[in-house]
C-alpha atoms as a PDB file:
ATOM      1  CA  MET A   1     -34.787  47.349   2.360  1.00  0.00           C
ATOM      2  CA  VAL A   2     -36.164  44.225   0.681  1.00  0.00           C
ATOM      3  CA  GLU A   3     -39.510  45.862  -0.007  1.00  0.00           C
ATOM      4  CA  LYS A   4     -37.764  48.888  -1.516  1.00  0.00           C
ATOM      5  CA  PHE A   5     -35.629  46.676  -3.764  1.00  0.00           C
ATOM      6  CA  ASN A   6     -38.657  44.644  -4.864  1.00  0.00           C
ATOM      7  CA  GLN A   7     -40.454  47.891  -5.698  1.00  0.00           C
ATOM      8  CA  THR A   8     -37.439  49.040  -7.725  1.00  0.00           C
ATOM      9  CA  LEU A   9     -37.182  45.715  -9.569  1.00  0.00           C
ATOM     10  CA  LYS A  10     -40.914  45.717 -10.313  1.00  0.00           C
ATOM     11  CA  GLY A  11     -40.633  49.224 -11.761  1.00  0.00           C
ATOM     12  CA  MET A  12     -37.694  48.182 -13.948  1.00  0.00           C
ATOM     13  CA  ILE A  13     -39.577  45.142 -15.247  1.00  0.00           C
ATOM     14  CA  ASN A  14     -42.708  47.219 -15.930  1.00  0.00           C
ATOM     15  CA  LYS A  15     -40.638  49.631 -18.030  1.00  0.00           C
ATOM     16  CA  THR A  16     -39.109  46.724 -19.946  1.00  0.00           C
ATOM     17  CA  ILE A  17     -42.193  44.712 -20.877  1.00  0.00           C
ATOM     18  CA  LEU A  18     -44.607  45.794 -23.569  1.00  0.00           C
ATOM     19  CA  ASP A  19     -48.313  46.378 -22.880  1.00  0.00           C
ATOM     20  CA  ASN A  20     -48.817  44.110 -19.851  1.00  0.00           C
ATOM     21  CA  SER A  21     -46.969  41.279 -21.542  1.00  0.00           C
ATOM     22  CA  GLN A  22     -46.895  37.941 -19.766  1.00  0.00           C
ATOM     23  CA  ASP A  23     -43.184  37.340 -20.464  1.00  0.00           C
ATOM     24  CA  TRP A  24     -41.998  39.478 -17.520  1.00  0.00           C
ATOM     25  CA  ASP A  25     -39.927  36.587 -16.166  1.00  0.00           C
ATOM     26  CA  GLN A  26     -37.719  36.686 -19.262  1.00  0.00           C
ATOM     27  CA  HIS A  27     -36.615  40.218 -18.355  1.00  0.00           C
ATOM     28  CA  ILE A  28     -35.536  39.659 -14.746  1.00  0.00           C
ATOM     29  CA  GLU A  29     -31.879  38.836 -15.450  1.00  0.00           C
ATOM     30  CA  LYS A  30     -31.430  41.912 -17.646  1.00  0.00           C
ATOM     31  CA  CYS A  31     -33.070  44.132 -15.026  1.00  0.00           C
ATOM     32  CA  LEU A  32     -30.939  42.650 -12.232  1.00  0.00           C
ATOM     33  CA  PHE A  33     -27.747  43.203 -14.238  1.00  0.00           C
ATOM     34  CA  ASN A  34     -28.779  46.811 -14.874  1.00  0.00           C
ATOM     35  CA  TYR A  35     -29.454  47.315 -11.171  1.00  0.00           C
ATOM     36  CA  ARG A  36     -26.190  45.699 -10.081  1.00  0.00           C
ATOM     37  CA  THR A  37     -24.122  47.817 -12.463  1.00  0.00           C
ATOM     38  CA  SER A  38     -25.848  51.131 -11.704  1.00  0.00           C
ATOM     39  CA  TYR A  39     -24.259  53.738  -9.440  1.00  0.00           C
ATOM     40  CA  HIS A  40     -26.119  54.083  -6.143  1.00  0.00           C
ATOM     41  CA  HIS A  41     -26.112  57.511  -4.542  1.00  0.00           C
ATOM     42  CA  SER A  42     -26.492  56.101  -1.030  1.00  0.00           C
ATOM     43  CA  THR A  43     -23.335  53.940  -1.193  1.00  0.00           C
ATOM     44  CA  LYS A  44     -21.410  55.848  -3.887  1.00  0.00           C
ATOM     45  CA  PHE A  45     -20.677  52.475  -5.547  1.00  0.00           C
ATOM     46  CA  THR A  46     -22.384  49.970  -7.807  1.00  0.00           C
ATOM     47  CA  PRO A  47     -23.628  46.817  -6.051  1.00  0.00           C
ATOM     48  CA  PHE A  48     -21.380  44.825  -8.399  1.00  0.00           C
ATOM     49  CA  TYR A  49     -18.309  46.735  -7.198  1.00  0.00           C
ATOM     50  CA  VAL A  50     -19.258  46.251  -3.552  1.00  0.00           C
ATOM     51  CA  MET A  51     -19.486  42.489  -4.100  1.00  0.00           C
ATOM     52  CA  TYR A  52     -16.475  41.915  -6.367  1.00  0.00           C
ATOM     53  CA  LEU A  53     -14.277  45.022  -5.861  1.00  0.00           C
ATOM     54  CA  ARG A  54     -14.043  45.573  -9.597  1.00  0.00           C
ATOM     55  CA  GLN A  55     -16.231  47.088 -12.245  1.00  0.00           C
ATOM     56  CA  ALA A  56     -18.362  44.733 -14.325  1.00  0.00           C
ATOM     57  CA  VAL A  57     -17.484  44.083 -17.945  1.00  0.00           C
ATOM     58  CA  LEU A  58     -20.516  45.398 -19.769  1.00  0.00           C
ATOM     59  CA  PRO A  59     -21.895  43.653 -22.875  1.00  0.00           C
ATOM     60  CA  ASN A  60     -20.737  46.474 -25.156  1.00  0.00           C
ATOM     61  CA  GLU A  61     -17.161  46.237 -23.895  1.00  0.00           C
ATOM     62  CA  THR A  62     -14.693  43.725 -25.239  1.00  0.00           C
ATOM     63  CA  LEU A  63     -13.002  41.313 -22.893  1.00  0.00           C
ATOM     64  CA  ASP A  64      -9.693  42.064 -24.635  1.00  0.00           C
ATOM     65  CA  ASN A  65      -9.571  45.395 -22.799  1.00  0.00           C
ATOM     66  CA  TYR A  66      -9.660  43.603 -19.460  1.00  0.00           C
ATOM     67  CA  VAL A  67      -7.497  40.525 -19.985  1.00  0.00           C
ATOM     68  CA  GLU A  68      -3.806  41.179 -19.667  1.00  0.00           C
ATOM     69  CA  ASN A  69      -0.908  38.791 -19.925  1.00  0.00           C
ATOM     70  CA  VAL A  70       0.313  38.934 -16.340  1.00  0.00           C
ATOM     71  CA  GLY A  71       2.573  36.750 -14.282  1.00  0.00           C
ATOM     72  CA  ASP A  72       1.949  35.004 -10.978  1.00  0.00           C
ATOM     73  CA  GLU A  73       3.392  37.906  -8.976  1.00  0.00           C
ATOM     74  CA  ALA A  74       0.944  40.392 -10.495  1.00  0.00           C
ATOM     75  CA  VAL A  75      -1.967  38.062  -9.758  1.00  0.00           C
ATOM     76  CA  GLU A  76      -0.800  37.627  -6.159  1.00  0.00           C
ATOM     77  CA  ASN A  77      -0.436  41.397  -5.702  1.00  0.00           C
ATOM     78  CA  SER A  78      -3.878  41.924  -7.184  1.00  0.00           C
ATOM     79  CA  ALA A  79      -5.407  39.391  -4.798  1.00  0.00           C
ATOM     80  CA  GLU A  80      -3.727  41.100  -1.829  1.00  0.00           C
ATOM     81  CA  ASN A  81      -5.050  44.483  -2.977  1.00  0.00           C
ATOM     82  CA  ILE A  82      -8.570  43.105  -3.281  1.00  0.00           C
ATOM     83  CA  ILE A  83      -8.451  41.636   0.214  1.00  0.00           C
ATOM     84  CA  SER A  84      -7.119  44.850   1.754  1.00  0.00           C
ATOM     85  CA  ASN A  85      -9.668  46.988  -0.112  1.00  0.00           C
ATOM     86  CA  LEU A  86     -12.585  44.738   0.802  1.00  0.00           C
ATOM     87  CA  GLU A  87     -12.772  45.904   4.408  1.00  0.00           C
ATOM     88  CA  VAL A  88     -12.377  49.558   3.402  1.00  0.00           C
ATOM     89  CA  VAL A  89     -15.256  49.353   0.908  1.00  0.00           C
ATOM     90  CA  ARG A  90     -17.491  47.498   3.363  1.00  0.00           C
ATOM     91  CA  GLN A  91     -16.841  50.116   6.057  1.00  0.00           C
ATOM     92  CA  GLU A  92     -17.557  52.975   3.649  1.00  0.00           C
ATOM     93  CA  VAL A  93     -20.805  51.386   2.470  1.00  0.00           C
ATOM     94  CA  GLY A  94     -21.884  50.686   6.057  1.00  0.00           C
ATOM     95  CA  GLU A  95     -21.199  54.278   7.121  1.00  0.00           C
ATOM     96  CA  LYS A  96     -23.020  55.745   4.119  1.00  0.00           C
ATOM     97  CA  LEU A  97     -26.053  53.530   4.665  1.00  0.00           C
ATOM     98  CA  LYS A  98     -26.159  54.476   8.368  1.00  0.00           C
ATOM     99  CA  GLN A  99     -26.046  58.163   7.422  1.00  0.00           C
ATOM    100  CA  LYS A 100     -28.845  57.664   4.903  1.00  0.00           C
ATOM    101  CA  CYS A 101     -31.049  55.943   7.510  1.00  0.00           C
ATOM    102  CA  ARG A 102     -30.738  58.821   9.998  1.00  0.00           C
END
């Protein structure tokens, strides 16, 4: 899996840099963010969602759309939902990756 990811990252960097430029290291963070927020057919999720159980706020989206004035109870309920969903998402990803490897 690591070799496949490295190959993917290398391809993303090669598409980003201009004419064999030597500043490839300045593009890694952007490429990693793009990878982490891209839908993966094998898991049916983005890597960001699998890690944080929420969608990433993309640079073109305003934070105002995501920040709500909520009370302590809503935050507690949200935390409980995240914890309960975590195991479900991990099981789904594990099953889908096993199916893909067959």
